[in-house]
Amino acid sequence: MQQLHPELDLTLHEAQTGRLLEDLANGALDVALLALPAGDDRFTTQTLFEDRFLLALPADAPAPDSIRVGDLRADKLILLEEGHCLRDQALAVCGAVGEGAMAKFGATSLTTVLQMVANGYGSTLLPEMAAPVELGGDTELSLRHLEPEPSRTIGLIWRASAPRQERFSVLGDVIRGVWRKGNPGYREQ
């Protein structure tokens, strides 16, 4: 996006969803890119695209090209720690599982989770949009598609009272266009 629009002056900030919503509400942020729904009527949202989940396994793990979601082993699933929306999304994909049934490992970053998987401690759900960056040329991991194909909705969110809503909508269109260009399997929303 920066290459397409070098005049665009964005300040980027990464945080957990709860913090992003607080910062939006108090005016510290103008707009946020996150997984929807946000569940708060103080905000306006713009749906951008669907981001599929893939199953990351150790490279030497025997597995078919696609795996049924119902066949995932909760005791081998490594997730981010409490408070991360990706953890909640992964749990929603797998259905309600008790904490006692989950793998005994957790981490605060996806990179750490993937290193645990690469070293044979379990598997994890990886958003497709994170795969190229998180995996790079890593051959210690193997990705599998899930059936049915779970996904999360990615969108922009801003205060319903924000004065620059049209600009935020245009920003969303730009992001969607960049996503479409880099993802031929993109599904329109």
Foldseek 3Di string as FASTA:
>chain_A
DCVVPVVDDDDDDDDALVVVVVCQVVVVDFKDKDFDDSPDVQKDKDWQFKWWKKKKAFLPDDDDQEEALQPFQQQQEEEADPRHVQRVLQCVSNDPDDPVRHHPHHHHDPLVVNVCRLVPSHMYIDTPVCCCVSCVPPSRMDIHAYPVTDITIIIMMHGPPDPPVVVVVVVSVVVSVVCCVVDVVIDGD
